[in-house]
């Protein structure tokens, strides 16, 4: 059964593979290009918890500015964080720099899944994907799309996360020795375009004849997910501090939410607690309104206040030209807060 599934799916992929800037055409050997593993790695890190449509412009920007892993390794971390702004999950960007520097120091990417796992920011999925796609190594690649396809294909009714062990075993059974990179990408394409979370397009699926979930009559209910825990509602305040058409920006601590990013000063809110509502300096504060943002672990209502001052606030920070605020690399939350402050001022 495994050989039949892999050959059928690879035949489908040969005809219908998505054309993406980090992919080589199906069926072609691994490119003999030192930049190829870099492009695969960069795309896989960017695609973690992010859509293909969102990643494309960032991938093109990064590979234009830093065409090799050595170029990225030599880049100032602030520049990389600024280029990443808006893509979210900022710990990925911090690990991107760490990983690039380690790879450059080693003289290139390791080829095996086990060695790749040792690099900063690379988990089981990412290491397997790079080994298979960048180096042609046989590796079992299981992301959310593959998880969904396999659970339906084998009608795995055990709820997540316990079902993941069974899903991986079944994925191992159908992963071919040859073209495992193409097979992994075929599974991803199938999951994202046909075997979708809602309203799967089963009539178009090349594996419909093998799908036990379809034969059981309820493929859409798989994989069985545990009930979602409600996200807490947090409140905080951001402060637009202006002097001589410059705004005071700080760099957030390297760990935690939006770590290492330029931002407006705030009152210490986090996913675990509300902010103190204590401003960083004494001033005649005006209310600009509230922006709302959703993180992985919490919803946030962020009040925005603005004031003009004559002195420089205490602590580390920098005066940034108001007219160039779009070049500061603010994460999405603080970019929204800045727009609100500018519209109210």
Protein backbone atom coordinates (compact mmCIF):
# COMPACT_ATOMS: atom_id res chain seq x y z
CA UNK A 1 0.00 0.00 0.00
CA UNK A 2 2.80 2.42 0.89
CA UNK A 3 4.44 2.17 -2.54
CA UNK A 4 1.09 2.63 -4.29
CA UNK A 5 0.32 5.76 -2.26
CA UNK A 6 3.73 7.34 -2.80
CA UNK A 7 3.84 6.63 -6.53
CA UNK A 8 0.28 7.92 -7.01
CA UNK A 9 0.97 11.07 -5.04
CA UNK A 10 4.28 11.77 -6.80
CA UNK A 11 2.55 11.37 -10.17
CA UNK A 12 -0.03 13.93 -9.07
CA UNK A 13 2.71 16.25 -7.80
CA UNK A 14 4.56 16.06 -11.11
CA UNK A 15 1.48 17.56 -12.76
CA UNK A 16 0.13 19.93 -10.15
CA UNK A 17 3.03 21.07 -7.93
CA UNK A 18 2.85 24.67 -6.82
CA UNK A 19 5.52 26.93 -8.28
CA UNK A 20 7.23 28.57 -5.31
CA UNK A 21 10.42 30.67 -5.22
CA UNK A 22 12.14 28.24 -2.83
CA UNK A 23 11.33 25.08 -4.81
CA UNK A 24 12.96 23.27 -7.69
CA UNK A 25 10.67 21.65 -10.28
CA UNK A 26 9.39 18.16 -9.36
CA UNK A 27 11.51 15.23 -10.39
CA UNK A 28 14.72 17.23 -10.75
CA UNK A 29 17.83 16.26 -8.76
CA UNK A 30 18.89 18.40 -5.82
CA UNK A 31 20.46 21.57 -7.30
CA UNK A 32 24.25 21.68 -7.22
CA UNK A 33 24.25 25.17 -5.72
CA UNK A 34 25.72 26.19 -2.34
CA UNK A 35 22.81 28.59 -1.86
CA UNK A 36 20.20 25.86 -2.25
CA UNK A 37 20.21 24.55 1.36
CA UNK A 38 20.12 28.16 2.56
CA UNK A 39 16.99 28.91 0.53
CA UNK A 40 15.26 25.72 1.72
CA UNK A 41 16.16 26.44 5.36
CA UNK A 42 15.09 30.08 5.14
CA UNK A 43 11.73 29.19 3.59
CA UNK A 44 11.02 26.47 6.14
CA UNK A 45 11.76 28.77 9.08
CA UNK A 46 9.57 31.51 7.60
CA UNK A 47 6.72 29.08 6.88
CA UNK A 48 6.41 27.95 10.50
CA UNK A 49 2.89 29.00 11.54
CA UNK A 50 2.72 31.40 8.59
CA UNK A 51 1.00 31.18 5.20
CA UNK A 52 2.77 30.86 1.86
CA UNK A 53 1.21 34.13 0.67
CA UNK A 54 2.62 36.01 3.68
CA UNK A 55 6.07 34.44 3.34
CA UNK A 56 6.71 35.08 -0.38
CA UNK A 57 7.58 38.80 -0.17
CA UNK A 58 9.72 38.27 2.94
CA UNK A 59 11.61 35.40 1.31
CA UNK A 60 12.27 37.49 -1.78
CA UNK A 61 13.42 40.44 0.34
CA UNK A 62 15.76 38.35 2.49
CA UNK A 63 17.35 36.53 -0.44
CA UNK A 64 17.83 39.83 -2.26
CA UNK A 65 19.51 41.53 0.73
CA UNK A 66 21.31 38.41 2.02
CA UNK A 67 21.72 35.95 -0.88
CA UNK A 68 23.76 33.41 1.13
CA UNK A 69 23.89 32.11 4.67
CA UNK A 70 27.27 33.80 5.06
CA UNK A 71 25.72 37.16 4.13
CA UNK A 72 22.96 36.65 6.69
CA UNK A 73 25.46 35.56 9.33
CA UNK A 74 27.40 38.79 8.85
CA UNK A 75 24.32 41.02 9.08
CA UNK A 76 23.66 43.09 12.23
CA UNK A 77 20.89 41.44 14.23
CA UNK A 78 18.90 44.72 14.35
CA UNK A 79 18.79 44.79 10.53
CA UNK A 80 17.49 41.22 10.37
CA UNK A 81 14.86 41.89 13.04
CA UNK A 82 13.73 45.01 11.19
CA UNK A 83 13.45 43.10 7.89
CA UNK A 84 11.43 40.41 9.68
CA UNK A 85 8.97 42.93 11.18
CA UNK A 86 5.37 42.02 10.39
CA UNK A 87 6.02 38.31 9.83
CA UNK A 88 5.38 37.49 13.49
CA UNK A 89 6.69 34.86 15.92
CA UNK A 90 9.86 36.89 16.40
CA UNK A 91 11.80 34.18 18.21
CA UNK A 92 12.19 32.66 14.73
CA UNK A 93 14.13 35.73 13.60
CA UNK A 94 16.44 35.62 16.62
CA UNK A 95 17.11 31.93 16.01
CA UNK A 96 17.59 32.65 12.31
CA UNK A 97 20.59 34.86 13.08
CA UNK A 98 22.01 32.37 15.60
CA UNK A 99 21.63 29.51 13.16
CA UNK A 100 23.13 31.43 10.23
CA UNK A 101 26.20 32.28 12.29
CA UNK A 102 26.64 28.69 13.44
CA UNK A 103 26.24 27.31 9.91
CA UNK A 104 28.67 29.86 8.49
CA UNK A 105 31.14 28.94 11.23
CA UNK A 106 30.82 25.25 10.28
CA UNK A 107 31.38 26.01 6.61
CA UNK A 108 27.87 25.05 5.52
CA UNK A 109 24.74 23.17 6.47
CA UNK A 110 25.04 19.60 7.78
CA UNK A 111 23.26 17.06 5.58
CA UNK A 112 21.62 14.67 8.03
CA UNK A 113 18.42 15.10 9.97
CA UNK A 114 20.16 14.36 13.28
CA UNK A 115 22.87 16.97 12.69
CA UNK A 116 20.34 19.55 11.54
CA UNK A 117 18.40 19.06 14.77
CA UNK A 118 21.42 20.43 16.63
CA UNK A 119 21.12 23.85 14.98
CA UNK A 120 19.30 26.71 16.78
CA UNK A 121 15.58 26.89 16.04
CA UNK A 122 15.32 23.61 14.11
CA UNK A 123 12.80 21.14 15.49
CA UNK A 124 11.90 17.68 14.24
CA UNK A 125 9.78 18.87 11.32
CA UNK A 126 12.18 21.55 10.03
CA UNK A 127 15.25 19.31 10.27
CA UNK A 128 13.47 16.51 8.39
CA UNK A 129 12.19 18.90 5.71
CA UNK A 130 15.65 20.37 5.07
CA UNK A 131 17.30 16.94 4.98
CA UNK A 132 14.75 15.68 2.45
CA UNK A 133 14.29 18.77 0.26
CA UNK A 134 17.76 20.33 0.37
CA UNK A 135 19.88 17.17 0.39
CA UNK A 136 17.68 14.37 -0.97
CA UNK A 137 18.01 12.35 2.24
CA UNK A 138 15.16 10.04 3.18
CA UNK A 139 13.35 11.72 6.07
CA UNK A 140 9.81 11.51 7.40
CA UNK A 141 8.38 15.03 7.23
CA UNK A 142 5.27 15.68 9.33
CA UNK A 143 3.76 19.16 9.56
CA UNK A 144 0.12 20.13 10.18
CA UNK A 145 -0.82 19.43 6.55
CA UNK A 146 0.82 16.00 6.57
CA UNK A 147 -0.73 15.27 9.96
CA UNK A 148 -4.18 15.95 8.51
CA UNK A 149 -3.63 13.92 5.33
CA UNK A 150 -2.26 10.89 7.18
CA UNK A 151 -4.93 10.90 9.89
CA UNK A 152 -7.63 10.86 7.20
CA UNK A 153 -5.85 8.43 4.90
CA UNK A 154 -5.62 5.85 7.71
CA UNK A 155 -8.77 6.96 9.61
CA UNK A 156 -6.82 7.62 12.81
CA UNK A 157 -9.54 8.54 15.30
CA UNK A 158 -7.38 8.86 18.40
CA UNK A 159 -7.34 12.50 19.53
CA UNK A 160 -4.29 14.72 19.29
CA UNK A 161 -1.70 14.98 20.69
CA UNK A 162 -1.64 11.25 21.50
CA UNK A 163 -2.36 10.41 17.85
CA UNK A 164 0.93 11.96 16.69
CA UNK A 165 2.92 8.79 17.42
CA UNK A 166 0.57 6.73 15.21
CA UNK A 167 0.54 9.42 12.51
CA UNK A 168 4.32 9.42 12.35
CA UNK A 169 4.42 5.61 12.12
CA UNK A 170 1.96 5.68 9.21
CA UNK A 171 3.88 8.52 7.52
CA UNK A 172 7.04 6.42 7.84
CA UNK A 173 5.28 3.54 6.05
CA UNK A 174 4.39 5.60 2.98
CA UNK A 175 7.53 7.78 2.67
CA UNK A 176 9.54 6.49 -0.32
CA UNK A 177 13.30 5.91 -0.30
CA UNK A 178 13.68 8.02 -3.45
CA UNK A 179 12.26 11.52 -3.98
CA UNK A 180 11.35 11.93 -0.31
CA UNK A 181 11.72 15.71 -0.71
CA UNK A 182 9.20 15.77 -3.54
CA UNK A 183 6.98 13.43 -1.56
CA UNK A 184 7.04 15.74 1.48
CA UNK A 185 6.16 18.73 -0.66
CA UNK A 186 3.43 16.75 -2.41
CA UNK A 187 1.87 15.94 0.96
CA UNK A 188 2.05 19.61 1.92
CA UNK A 189 0.41 20.67 -1.35
CA UNK A 190 -2.29 18.03 -0.95
CA UNK A 191 -3.04 19.16 2.59
CA UNK A 192 -3.07 22.87 1.81
CA UNK A 193 -5.06 22.72 -1.42
CA UNK A 194 -7.26 19.61 -1.37
CA UNK A 195 -7.27 17.81 2.00
CA UNK A 196 -8.12 21.06 3.76
CA UNK A 197 -9.29 21.48 7.35
CA UNK A 198 -12.80 22.41 6.28
CA UNK A 199 -14.67 21.21 3.21
CA UNK A 200 -11.96 18.89 1.83
CA UNK A 201 -12.14 18.48 -1.95
CA UNK A 202 -12.20 14.70 -1.87
CA UNK A 203 -13.42 14.29 -5.46
CA UNK A 204 -10.17 15.87 -6.68
CA UNK A 205 -7.90 13.92 -4.37
CA UNK A 206 -5.51 11.47 -6.06
CA UNK A 207 -5.64 9.28 -2.93
CA UNK A 208 -9.42 9.07 -2.62
CA UNK A 209 -9.42 5.36 -3.50
CA UNK A 210 -7.02 4.63 -0.61
CA UNK A 211 -8.55 6.98 1.97
CA UNK A 212 -10.05 5.09 4.91
CA UNK A 213 -11.40 8.34 6.37
CA UNK A 214 -13.37 9.03 3.21
CA UNK A 215 -14.71 5.47 3.18
CA UNK A 216 -15.78 5.89 6.81
CA UNK A 217 -17.82 8.91 5.69
CA UNK A 218 -16.47 11.71 7.89
CA UNK A 219 -12.98 12.76 6.77
CA UNK A 220 -13.54 16.36 7.88
CA UNK A 221 -13.64 15.38 11.57
CA UNK A 222 -10.04 14.14 11.40
CA UNK A 223 -7.64 14.71 12.99
CA UNK A 224 -9.55 14.83 16.27
CA UNK A 225 -8.35 17.89 18.15
CA UNK A 226 -8.65 18.60 21.86
CA UNK A 227 -10.95 21.49 22.82
CA UNK A 228 -9.27 24.87 22.59
CA UNK A 229 -8.55 26.69 25.81
CA UNK A 230 -9.90 30.25 25.80
CA UNK A 231 -7.19 32.89 25.44
CA UNK A 232 -6.93 35.41 28.27
CA UNK A 233 -7.75 39.05 27.57
CA UNK A 234 -4.87 41.33 28.51
CA UNK A 235 -4.63 45.12 28.66
CA UNK A 236 -1.62 47.39 28.38
CA UNK A 237 -0.52 50.85 27.33
CA UNK A 238 2.02 52.04 24.75
CA UNK A 239 3.49 55.55 24.83
CA UNK A 240 4.29 57.77 21.86
CA UNK A 241 6.94 60.18 23.19
CA UNK A 242 7.83 62.92 20.72
CA UNK A 243 10.46 65.66 20.63
CA UNK A 244 11.44 67.81 17.62
CA UNK A 245 9.63 65.47 15.20
CA UNK A 246 11.45 62.43 16.60
CA UNK A 247 9.81 59.61 18.55
CA UNK A 248 11.47 57.71 21.39
CA UNK A 249 11.89 54.00 20.58
CA UNK A 250 13.23 51.23 22.77
CA UNK A 251 14.48 47.72 22.04
CA UNK A 252 12.53 45.02 23.81
CA UNK A 253 14.33 42.40 25.86
CA UNK A 254 15.74 39.55 23.79
CA UNK A 255 13.39 36.97 25.29
CA UNK A 256 9.62 37.07 25.65
CA UNK A 257 6.95 38.54 23.41
CA UNK A 258 8.34 40.55 20.48
CA UNK A 259 11.79 40.09 21.98
CA UNK A 260 14.66 41.99 20.39
CA UNK A 261 12.36 44.26 18.36
CA UNK A 262 12.23 48.04 18.25
CA UNK A 263 9.02 49.24 19.87
CA UNK A 264 7.27 52.08 21.62
CA UNK A 265 7.80 52.12 25.38
CA UNK A 266 5.00 50.39 27.27
CA UNK A 267 3.83 49.58 30.78
CA UNK A 268 5.10 46.00 31.07
CA UNK A 269 2.10 44.03 29.80
CA UNK A 270 2.64 40.40 28.83
CA UNK A 271 0.61 37.31 27.95
CA UNK A 272 0.54 36.49 31.69
CA UNK A 273 -0.36 39.88 33.16
CA UNK A 274 -1.92 43.25 32.43
CA UNK A 275 0.21 46.35 32.24
CA UNK A 276 0.76 48.67 35.19
CA UNK A 277 -0.53 51.80 33.39
CA UNK A 278 2.56 53.61 34.71
CA UNK A 279 4.09 55.85 31.99
CA UNK A 280 7.87 55.88 31.52
CA UNK A 281 8.08 59.67 32.03
CA UNK A 282 5.92 62.40 33.51
CA UNK A 283 4.09 64.33 30.79
CA UNK A 284 0.70 65.68 29.78
CA UNK A 285 -0.52 62.44 28.25
CA UNK A 286 -3.30 62.43 25.67
CA UNK A 287 -5.36 59.39 24.70
CA UNK A 288 -5.05 58.27 21.08
CA UNK A 289 -7.31 55.24 21.33
CA UNK A 290 -6.85 51.47 21.55
CA UNK A 291 -5.47 48.86 19.18
CA UNK A 292 -6.30 45.17 19.47
CA UNK A 293 -3.98 42.31 18.64
CA UNK A 294 -4.03 38.54 19.06
CA UNK A 295 -0.95 36.56 20.03
CA UNK A 296 -0.58 32.80 20.33
CA UNK A 297 -1.38 32.83 24.04
CA UNK A 298 -3.47 35.97 24.61
CA UNK A 299 -5.62 38.73 23.19
CA UNK A 300 -4.35 42.24 23.90
CA UNK A 301 -6.14 45.58 24.09
CA UNK A 302 -3.34 48.15 23.94
CA UNK A 303 -4.19 51.73 24.85
CA UNK A 304 -2.06 54.32 23.09
CA UNK A 305 -1.09 57.61 24.72
CA UNK A 306 1.02 60.41 23.30
CA UNK A 307 2.88 63.45 24.60
CA UNK A 308 5.62 65.89 23.67
CA UNK A 309 8.54 66.35 26.04
CA UNK A 310 11.72 68.42 26.16
CA UNK A 311 14.12 65.97 27.85
CA UNK A 312 15.36 62.51 26.91
CA UNK A 313 13.70 59.66 28.85
CA UNK A 314 15.86 57.58 31.15
CA UNK A 315 17.09 54.17 30.11
CA UNK A 316 18.25 52.83 26.76
CA UNK A 317 16.49 54.02 23.63
CA UNK A 318 16.85 56.13 20.51
CA UNK A 319 15.19 59.13 18.91
CA UNK A 320 13.77 58.06 15.55
CA UNK A 321 12.58 60.52 12.84
CA UNK A 322 8.79 60.54 12.78
CA UNK A 323 8.83 60.80 8.99
CA UNK A 324 10.80 57.55 8.77
CA UNK A 325 8.78 55.55 11.30
CA UNK A 326 7.87 53.03 8.61
CA UNK A 327 11.60 52.19 8.31
CA UNK A 328 12.04 51.40 12.02
CA UNK A 329 11.01 47.76 11.60
CA UNK A 330 8.30 47.94 14.25
CA UNK A 331 6.37 44.70 14.79
CA UNK A 332 2.75 44.80 13.63
CA UNK A 333 1.32 45.65 17.06
CA UNK A 334 3.50 48.72 17.52
CA UNK A 335 3.16 49.75 13.89
CA UNK A 336 -0.61 49.89 14.48
CA UNK A 337 -0.05 51.86 17.69
CA UNK A 338 2.21 54.32 15.84
CA UNK A 339 -0.38 54.89 13.13
CA UNK A 340 -3.00 55.53 15.79
CA UNK A 341 -0.80 58.03 17.62
CA UNK A 342 0.03 59.88 14.40
CA UNK A 343 -3.61 60.10 13.39
CA UNK A 344 -4.60 61.45 16.81
CA UNK A 345 -1.74 63.93 17.19
